[in-house]
Amino acid sequence: MITSLMEKKEGIKILNNDIKTFKYFIKAANLIDVSSKSGDLTWNNKKGGDRQITSRLDRFLVTETILLVAITVESDILPNGGLDH
C-alpha cells in the first residue's frame, strides 16, 4: 500500500482513509520503512507508454531495535519473474 503520492506514478492520485490509517499504524508502532536499494516502485500494471501505472506496494518494516542489533538491513526489489503474487 502506498503511503504518499510520491510512491505512485500515473493513475488515480488520491490518499484514501485506508492509506492514512496505514501511515498512522506505522508511526504508532514506531516502525521504520526500509528503503529498497534498487528503487522504490515495486508494482506495475504491465502496460506500456502513457497507460503504465507504477506504485510502491511492497514494504519492509522493522523496529528500531532491529536496526540497533543488526549489522546491515537491506531491502531489494527482485526482477519481475512474470507473476506478481
PDB file of N, CA and C in Angstrom:
ATOM      1  N   MET A   1       0.847  -1.171   0.000  1.00  0.00           N
ATOM      2  CA  MET A   1       0.000   0.000   0.000  1.00  0.00           C
ATOM      3  C   MET A   1       0.893   1.234   0.000  1.00  0.00           C
ATOM      4  N   ILE A   2       0.576   2.197  -0.845  1.00  0.00           N
ATOM      5  CA  ILE A   2       1.348   3.428  -0.859  1.00  0.00           C
ATOM      6  C   ILE A   2       1.048   4.233   0.395  1.00  0.00           C
ATOM      7  N   THR A   3       2.016   5.059   0.801  1.00  0.00           N
ATOM      8  CA  THR A   3       1.779   5.932   1.947  1.00  0.00           C
ATOM      9  C   THR A   3       1.881   7.402   1.570  1.00  0.00           C
ATOM     10  N   SER A   4       2.261   7.674   0.328  1.00  0.00           N
ATOM     11  CA  SER A   4       2.280   9.055  -0.161  1.00  0.00           C
ATOM     12  C   SER A   4       2.131   9.034  -1.678  1.00  0.00           C
ATOM     13  N   LEU A   5       1.753  10.147  -2.233  1.00  0.00           N
ATOM     14  CA  LEU A   5       1.587  10.220  -3.681  1.00  0.00           C
ATOM     15  C   LEU A   5       2.922  10.145  -4.403  1.00  0.00           C
ATOM     16  N   MET A   6       4.024  10.318  -3.694  1.00  0.00           N
ATOM     17  CA  MET A   6       5.353  10.178  -4.286  1.00  0.00           C
ATOM     18  C   MET A   6       5.633   8.711  -4.635  1.00  0.00           C
ATOM     19  N   GLU A   7       4.873   7.793  -4.060  1.00  0.00           N
ATOM     20  CA  GLU A   7       5.069   6.367  -4.299  1.00  0.00           C
ATOM     21  C   GLU A   7       4.167   5.843  -5.405  1.00  0.00           C
ATOM     22  N   LYS A   8       3.660   6.733  -6.228  1.00  0.00           N
ATOM     23  CA  LYS A   8       2.754   6.327  -7.299  1.00  0.00           C
ATOM     24  C   LYS A   8       3.015   7.185  -8.523  1.00  0.00           C
ATOM     25  N   LYS A   9       3.135   6.547  -9.670  1.00  0.00           N
ATOM     26  CA  LYS A   9       3.287   7.255 -10.938  1.00  0.00           C
ATOM     27  C   LYS A   9       2.076   6.942 -11.804  1.00  0.00           C
ATOM     28  N   GLU A  10       1.365   7.991 -12.178  1.00  0.00           N
ATOM     29  CA  GLU A  10       0.164   7.891 -13.010  1.00  0.00           C
ATOM     30  C   GLU A  10      -0.996   7.302 -12.214  1.00  0.00           C
ATOM     31  N   GLY A  11      -2.125   7.083 -12.863  1.00  0.00           N
ATOM     32  CA  GLY A  11      -3.311   6.552 -12.206  1.00  0.00           C
ATOM     33  C   GLY A  11      -3.958   7.575 -11.280  1.00  0.00           C
ATOM     34  N   ILE A  12      -4.883   7.114 -10.469  1.00  0.00           N
ATOM     35  CA  ILE A  12      -5.625   7.981  -9.548  1.00  0.00           C
ATOM     36  C   ILE A  12      -4.689   8.498  -8.460  1.00  0.00           C
ATOM     37  N   LYS A  13      -4.732   9.767  -8.195  1.00  0.00           N
ATOM     38  CA  LYS A  13      -3.848  10.410  -7.221  1.00  0.00           C
ATOM     39  C   LYS A  13      -4.639  10.848  -5.996  1.00  0.00           C
ATOM     40  N   ILE A  14      -5.081   9.884  -5.201  1.00  0.00           N
ATOM     41  CA  ILE A  14      -5.873  10.179  -4.009  1.00  0.00           C
ATOM     42  C   ILE A  14      -5.310   9.374  -2.839  1.00  0.00           C
ATOM     43  N   LEU A  15      -5.178  10.005  -1.683  1.00  0.00           N
ATOM     44  CA  LEU A  15      -4.834   9.287  -0.460  1.00  0.00           C
ATOM     45  C   LEU A  15      -6.128   9.019   0.295  1.00  0.00           C
ATOM     46  N   ASN A  16      -6.596   7.770   0.279  1.00  0.00           N
ATOM     47  CA  ASN A  16      -7.860   7.455   0.933  1.00  0.00           C
ATOM     48  C   ASN A  16      -7.644   7.155   2.423  1.00  0.00           C
ATOM     49  N   ASN A  17      -8.723   6.868   3.129  1.00  0.00           N
ATOM     50  CA  ASN A  17      -8.643   6.619   4.572  1.00  0.00           C
ATOM     51  C   ASN A  17      -7.819   5.391   4.916  1.00  0.00           C
ATOM     52  N   ASP A  18      -7.821   4.358   4.061  1.00  0.00           N
ATOM     53  CA  ASP A  18      -7.004   3.169   4.328  1.00  0.00           C
ATOM     54  C   ASP A  18      -5.521   3.535   4.349  1.00  0.00           C
ATOM     55  N   ILE A  19      -5.107   4.369   3.419  1.00  0.00           N
ATOM     56  CA  ILE A  19      -3.707   4.789   3.353  1.00  0.00           C
ATOM     57  C   ILE A  19      -3.357   5.623   4.586  1.00  0.00           C
ATOM     58  N   LYS A  20      -4.241   6.521   4.959  1.00  0.00           N
ATOM     59  CA  LYS A  20      -3.999   7.346   6.146  1.00  0.00           C
ATOM     60  C   LYS A  20      -3.921   6.481   7.406  1.00  0.00           C
ATOM     61  N   THR A  21      -4.777   5.467   7.500  1.00  0.00           N
ATOM     62  CA  THR A  21      -4.762   4.560   8.650  1.00  0.00           C
ATOM     63  C   THR A  21      -3.469   3.754   8.684  1.00  0.00           C
ATOM     64  N   PHE A  22      -3.016   3.291   7.523  1.00  0.00           N
ATOM     65  CA  PHE A  22      -1.769   2.533   7.445  1.00  0.00           C
ATOM     66  C   PHE A  22      -0.585   3.401   7.869  1.00  0.00           C
ATOM     67  N   LYS A  23      -0.540   4.651   7.406  1.00  0.00           N
ATOM     68  CA  LYS A  23       0.527   5.570   7.818  1.00  0.00           C
ATOM     69  C   LYS A  23       0.502   5.784   9.330  1.00  0.00           C
ATOM     70  N   TYR A  24      -0.692   5.923   9.898  1.00  0.00           N
ATOM     71  CA  TYR A  24      -0.818   6.108  11.340  1.00  0.00           C
ATOM     72  C   TYR A  24      -0.305   4.871  12.079  1.00  0.00           C
ATOM     73  N   PHE A  25      -0.640   3.670  11.572  1.00  0.00           N
ATOM     74  CA  PHE A  25      -0.168   2.424  12.193  1.00  0.00           C
ATOM     75  C   PHE A  25       1.361   2.367  12.200  1.00  0.00           C
ATOM     76  N   ILE A  26       1.991   2.695  11.083  1.00  0.00           N
ATOM     77  CA  ILE A  26       3.453   2.666  11.005  1.00  0.00           C
ATOM     78  C   ILE A  26       4.059   3.601  12.051  1.00  0.00           C
ATOM     79  N   LYS A  27       3.496   4.793  12.138  1.00  0.00           N
ATOM     80  CA  LYS A  27       4.010   5.773  13.096  1.00  0.00           C
ATOM     81  C   LYS A  27       3.732   5.345  14.537  1.00  0.00           C
ATOM     82  N   ALA A  28       2.515   4.883  14.828  1.00  0.00           N
ATOM     83  CA  ALA A  28       2.136   4.496  16.183  1.00  0.00           C
ATOM     84  C   ALA A  28       2.937   3.300  16.680  1.00  0.00           C
ATOM     85  N   ALA A  29       3.295   2.393  15.775  1.00  0.00           N
ATOM     86  CA  ALA A  29       4.060   1.198  16.146  1.00  0.00           C
ATOM     87  C   ALA A  29       5.567   1.462  16.125  1.00  0.00           C
ATOM     88  N   ASN A  30       5.949   2.709  15.833  1.00  0.00           N
ATOM     89  CA  ASN A  30       7.372   3.084  15.758  1.00  0.00           C
ATOM     90  C   ASN A  30       8.149   2.205  14.787  1.00  0.00           C
ATOM     91  N   LEU A  31       7.541   1.940  13.646  1.00  0.00           N
ATOM     92  CA  LEU A  31       8.203   1.128  12.628  1.00  0.00           C
ATOM     93  C   LEU A  31       8.985   2.010  11.670  1.00  0.00           C
ATOM     94  N   ILE A  32      10.034   1.439  11.131  1.00  0.00           N
ATOM     95  CA  ILE A  32      10.872   2.132  10.154  1.00  0.00           C
ATOM     96  C   ILE A  32      10.712   1.413   8.825  1.00  0.00           C
ATOM     97  N   ASP A  33      10.430   2.174   7.808  1.00  0.00           N
ATOM     98  CA  ASP A  33      10.231   1.642   6.461  1.00  0.00           C
ATOM     99  C   ASP A  33      11.582   1.643   5.743  1.00  0.00           C
ATOM    100  N   VAL A  34      12.183   0.464   5.598  1.00  0.00           N
ATOM    101  CA  VAL A  34      13.499   0.347   4.977  1.00  0.00           C
ATOM    102  C   VAL A  34      13.368   0.561   3.472  1.00  0.00           C
ATOM    103  N   SER A  35      14.103   1.525   2.958  1.00  0.00           N
ATOM    104  CA  SER A  35      14.068   1.800   1.521  1.00  0.00           C
ATOM    105  C   SER A  35      14.792   0.697   0.756  1.00  0.00           C
ATOM    106  N   SER A  36      14.331   0.448  -0.446  1.00  0.00           N
ATOM    107  CA  SER A  36      14.970  -0.541  -1.294  1.00  0.00           C
ATOM    108  C   SER A  36      16.213   0.056  -1.930  1.00  0.00           C
ATOM    109  N   LYS A  37      17.251  -0.754  -2.041  1.00  0.00           N
ATOM    110  CA  LYS A  37      18.482  -0.256  -2.660  1.00  0.00           C
ATOM    111  C   LYS A  37      18.388  -0.257  -4.188  1.00  0.00           C
ATOM    112  N   SER A  38      17.306  -0.824  -4.732  1.00  0.00           N
ATOM    113  CA  SER A  38      17.192  -0.904  -6.197  1.00  0.00           C
ATOM    114  C   SER A  38      15.996  -0.126  -6.743  1.00  0.00           C
ATOM    115  N   GLY A  39      15.487   0.823  -5.983  1.00  0.00           N
ATOM    116  CA  GLY A  39      14.364   1.631  -6.448  1.00  0.00           C
ATOM    117  C   GLY A  39      13.192   1.561  -5.499  1.00  0.00           C
ATOM    118  N   ASP A  40      12.200   2.382  -5.751  1.00  0.00           N
ATOM    119  CA  ASP A  40      11.064   2.455  -4.837  1.00  0.00           C
ATOM    120  C   ASP A  40       9.793   1.807  -5.368  1.00  0.00           C
ATOM    121  N   LEU A  41       9.623   1.744  -6.664  1.00  0.00           N
ATOM    122  CA  LEU A  41       8.364   1.271  -7.233  1.00  0.00           C
ATOM    123  C   LEU A  41       8.417  -0.241  -7.425  1.00  0.00           C
ATOM    124  N   THR A  42       7.497  -0.958  -6.773  1.00  0.00           N
ATOM    125  CA  THR A  42       7.556  -2.416  -6.736  1.00  0.00           C
ATOM    126  C   THR A  42       6.469  -3.105  -7.554  1.00  0.00           C
ATOM    127  N   TRP A  43       5.554  -2.348  -8.128  1.00  0.00           N
ATOM    128  CA  TRP A  43       4.443  -2.935  -8.890  1.00  0.00           C
ATOM    129  C   TRP A  43       4.182  -2.080 -10.114  1.00  0.00           C
ATOM    130  N   ASN A  44       3.788  -2.746 -11.212  1.00  0.00           N
ATOM    131  CA  ASN A  44       3.299  -2.002 -12.377  1.00  0.00           C
ATOM    132  C   ASN A  44       2.181  -2.794 -13.017  1.00  0.00           C
ATOM    133  N   ASN A  45       1.361  -2.122 -13.783  1.00  0.00           N
ATOM    134  CA  ASN A  45       0.192  -2.764 -14.385  1.00  0.00           C
ATOM    135  C   ASN A  45       0.507  -3.469 -15.709  1.00  0.00           C
ATOM    136  N   LYS A  46       1.792  -3.577 -16.032  1.00  0.00           N
ATOM    137  CA  LYS A  46       2.266  -4.298 -17.217  1.00  0.00           C
ATOM    138  C   LYS A  46       1.714  -3.725 -18.519  1.00  0.00           C
ATOM    139  N   LYS A  47       1.447  -2.444 -18.522  1.00  0.00           N
ATOM    140  CA  LYS A  47       1.021  -1.754 -19.736  1.00  0.00           C
ATOM    141  C   LYS A  47       2.129  -0.782 -20.116  1.00  0.00           C
ATOM    142  N   GLY A  48       2.206  -0.466 -21.391  1.00  0.00           N
ATOM    143  CA  GLY A  48       3.267   0.401 -21.858  1.00  0.00           C
ATOM    144  C   GLY A  48       2.821   1.828 -22.082  1.00  0.00           C
ATOM    145  N   GLY A  49       3.814   2.682 -22.259  1.00  0.00           N
ATOM    146  CA  GLY A  49       3.550   4.070 -22.615  1.00  0.00           C
ATOM    147  C   GLY A  49       2.752   4.837 -21.581  1.00  0.00           C
ATOM    148  N   ASP A  50       1.818   5.655 -22.077  1.00  0.00           N
ATOM    149  CA  ASP A  50       1.006   6.505 -21.202  1.00  0.00           C
ATOM    150  C   ASP A  50       0.037   5.722 -20.325  1.00  0.00           C
ATOM    151  N   ARG A  51      -0.169   4.449 -20.619  1.00  0.00           N
ATOM    152  CA  ARG A  51      -1.130   3.645 -19.841  1.00  0.00           C
ATOM    153  C   ARG A  51      -0.478   2.938 -18.661  1.00  0.00           C
ATOM    154  N   GLN A  52       0.863   3.041 -18.538  1.00  0.00           N
ATOM    155  CA  GLN A  52       1.546   2.352 -17.445  1.00  0.00           C
ATOM    156  C   GLN A  52       1.339   3.077 -16.123  1.00  0.00           C
ATOM    157  N   ILE A  53       1.041   2.291 -15.088  1.00  0.00           N
ATOM    158  CA  ILE A  53       0.904   2.789 -13.724  1.00  0.00           C
ATOM    159  C   ILE A  53       1.894   1.998 -12.870  1.00  0.00           C
ATOM    160  N   THR A  54       2.666   2.686 -12.045  1.00  0.00           N
ATOM    161  CA  THR A  54       3.595   2.028 -11.140  1.00  0.00           C
ATOM    162  C   THR A  54       3.375   2.564  -9.729  1.00  0.00           C
ATOM    163  N   SER A  55       3.600   1.701  -8.740  1.00  0.00           N
ATOM    164  CA  SER A  55       3.406   2.085  -7.340  1.00  0.00           C
ATOM    165  C   SER A  55       4.373   1.328  -6.451  1.00  0.00           C
ATOM    166  N   ARG A  56       4.529   1.823  -5.247  1.00  0.00           N
ATOM    167  CA  ARG A  56       5.274   1.096  -4.227  1.00  0.00           C
ATOM    168  C   ARG A  56       4.252   0.406  -3.327  1.00  0.00           C
ATOM    169  N   LEU A  57       4.106  -0.900  -3.518  1.00  0.00           N
ATOM    170  CA  LEU A  57       3.141  -1.653  -2.720  1.00  0.00           C
ATOM    171  C   LEU A  57       3.819  -2.518  -1.664  1.00  0.00           C
ATOM    172  N   ASP A  58       5.027  -2.961  -1.936  1.00  0.00           N
ATOM    173  CA  ASP A  58       5.729  -3.853  -1.017  1.00  0.00           C
ATOM    174  C   ASP A  58       6.614  -3.050  -0.075  1.00  0.00           C
ATOM    175  N   ARG A  59       6.627  -3.443   1.189  1.00  0.00           N
ATOM    176  CA  ARG A  59       7.391  -2.730   2.210  1.00  0.00           C
ATOM    177  C   ARG A  59       8.147  -3.703   3.090  1.00  0.00           C
ATOM    178  N   PHE A  60       9.204  -3.210   3.670  1.00  0.00           N
ATOM    179  CA  PHE A  60       9.984  -3.957   4.644  1.00  0.00           C
ATOM    180  C   PHE A  60      10.030  -3.095   5.896  1.00  0.00           C
ATOM    181  N   LEU A  61       9.152  -3.389   6.854  1.00  0.00           N
ATOM    182  CA  LEU A  61       9.025  -2.592   8.070  1.00  0.00           C
ATOM    183  C   LEU A  61       9.755  -3.278   9.219  1.00  0.00           C
ATOM    184  N   VAL A  62      10.571  -2.520   9.933  1.00  0.00           N
ATOM    185  CA  VAL A  62      11.319  -3.073  11.062  1.00  0.00           C
ATOM    186  C   VAL A  62      11.196  -2.123  12.244  1.00  0.00           C
ATOM    187  N   THR A  63      11.513  -2.647  13.424  1.00  0.00           N
ATOM    188  CA  THR A  63      11.569  -1.801  14.613  1.00  0.00           C
ATOM    189  C   THR A  63      12.972  -1.201  14.738  1.00  0.00           C
ATOM    190  N   GLU A  64      13.080  -0.152  15.504  1.00  0.00           N
ATOM    191  CA  GLU A  64      14.383   0.462  15.721  1.00  0.00           C
ATOM    192  C   GLU A  64      15.345  -0.519  16.382  1.00  0.00           C
ATOM    193  N   THR A  65      14.829  -1.404  17.226  1.00  0.00           N
ATOM    194  CA  THR A  65      15.656  -2.403  17.892  1.00  0.00           C
ATOM    195  C   THR A  65      16.382  -3.273  16.879  1.00  0.00           C
ATOM    196  N   ILE A  66      15.692  -3.670  15.828  1.00  0.00           N
ATOM    197  CA  ILE A  66      16.320  -4.482  14.779  1.00  0.00           C
ATOM    198  C   ILE A  66      17.509  -3.734  14.188  1.00  0.00           C
ATOM    199  N   LEU A  67      17.346  -2.460  13.940  1.00  0.00           N
ATOM    200  CA  LEU A  67      18.439  -1.676  13.360  1.00  0.00           C
ATOM    201  C   LEU A  67      19.605  -1.522  14.332  1.00  0.00           C
ATOM    202  N   LEU A  68      19.312  -1.509  15.625  1.00  0.00           N
ATOM    203  CA  LEU A  68      20.377  -1.360  16.612  1.00  0.00           C
ATOM    204  C   LEU A  68      21.204  -2.630  16.769  1.00  0.00           C
ATOM    205  N   VAL A  69      20.598  -3.803  16.599  1.00  0.00           N
ATOM    206  CA  VAL A  69      21.333  -5.054  16.784  1.00  0.00           C
ATOM    207  C   VAL A  69      21.801  -5.679  15.468  1.00  0.00           C
ATOM    208  N   ALA A  70      21.229  -5.293  14.375  1.00  0.00           N
ATOM    209  CA  ALA A  70      21.606  -5.869  13.078  1.00  0.00           C
ATOM    210  C   ALA A  70      22.801  -5.123  12.512  1.00  0.00           C
ATOM    211  N   ILE A  71      23.648  -5.846  11.808  1.00  0.00           N
ATOM    212  CA  ILE A  71      24.792  -5.217  11.155  1.00  0.00           C
ATOM    213  C   ILE A  71      24.315  -4.402   9.966  1.00  0.00           C
ATOM    214  N   THR A  72      23.526  -5.035   9.108  1.00  0.00           N
ATOM    215  CA  THR A  72      23.001  -4.353   7.929  1.00  0.00           C
ATOM    216  C   THR A  72      21.583  -4.840   7.661  1.00  0.00           C
ATOM    217  N   VAL A  73      20.690  -3.923   7.389  1.00  0.00           N
ATOM    218  CA  VAL A  73      19.334  -4.265   6.987  1.00  0.00           C
ATOM    219  C   VAL A  73      19.121  -3.641   5.618  1.00  0.00           C
ATOM    220  N   GLU A  74      18.823  -4.497   4.633  1.00  0.00           N
ATOM    221  CA  GLU A  74      18.615  -4.018   3.272  1.00  0.00           C
ATOM    222  C   GLU A  74      17.343  -4.611   2.691  1.00  0.00           C
ATOM    223  N   SER A  75      16.764  -3.883   1.795  1.00  0.00           N
ATOM    224  CA  SER A  75      15.610  -4.340   1.036  1.00  0.00           C
ATOM    225  C   SER A  75      15.963  -4.212  -0.433  1.00  0.00           C
ATOM    226  N   ASP A  76      15.539  -5.186  -1.238  1.00  0.00           N
ATOM    227  CA  ASP A  76      15.857  -5.162  -2.661  1.00  0.00           C
ATOM    228  C   ASP A  76      14.632  -5.596  -3.450  1.00  0.00           C
ATOM    229  N   ILE A  77      14.413  -4.971  -4.578  1.00  0.00           N
ATOM    230  CA  ILE A  77      13.322  -5.341  -5.478  1.00  0.00           C
ATOM    231  C   ILE A  77      13.875  -6.322  -6.504  1.00  0.00           C
ATOM    232  N   LEU A  78      13.327  -7.518  -6.528  1.00  0.00           N
ATOM    233  CA  LEU A  78      13.795  -8.531  -7.478  1.00  0.00           C
ATOM    234  C   LEU A  78      13.192  -8.274  -8.857  1.00  0.00           C
ATOM    235  N   PRO A  79      13.877  -8.747  -9.902  1.00  0.00           N
ATOM    236  CA  PRO A  79      13.325  -8.582 -11.259  1.00  0.00           C
ATOM    237  C   PRO A  79      11.982  -9.289 -11.384  1.00  0.00           C
ATOM    238  N   ASN A  80      11.131  -8.741 -12.235  1.00  0.00           N
ATOM    239  CA  ASN A  80       9.818  -9.328 -12.474  1.00  0.00           C
ATOM    240  C   ASN A  80       9.987 -10.708 -13.096  1.00  0.00           C
ATOM    241  N   GLY A  81       9.411 -11.717 -12.445  1.00  0.00           N
ATOM    242  CA  GLY A  81       9.502 -13.082 -12.958  1.00  0.00           C
ATOM    243  C   GLY A  81       8.243 -13.528 -13.688  1.00  0.00           C
ATOM    244  N   GLY A  82       7.359 -12.616 -13.985  1.00  0.00           N
ATOM    245  CA  GLY A  82       6.138 -12.967 -14.709  1.00  0.00           C
ATOM    246  C   GLY A  82       4.906 -13.008 -13.837  1.00  0.00           C
ATOM    247  N   LEU A  83       5.044 -13.452 -12.601  1.00  0.00           N
ATOM    248  CA  LEU A  83       3.909 -13.494 -11.668  1.00  0.00           C
ATOM    249  C   LEU A  83       4.069 -12.362 -10.655  1.00  0.00           C
ATOM    250  N   ASP A  84       2.963 -11.842 -10.181  1.00  0.00           N
ATOM    251  CA  ASP A  84       3.061 -10.783  -9.180  1.00  0.00           C
ATOM    252  C   ASP A  84       2.431 -11.179  -7.849  1.00  0.00           C
ATOM    253  N   HIS A  85       2.336 -12.463  -7.574  1.00  0.00           N
ATOM    254  CA  HIS A  85       1.801 -12.945  -6.308  1.00  0.00           C
ATOM    255  C   HIS A  85       2.799 -13.868  -5.645  1.00  0.00           C
TER     256      HIS A  85
END
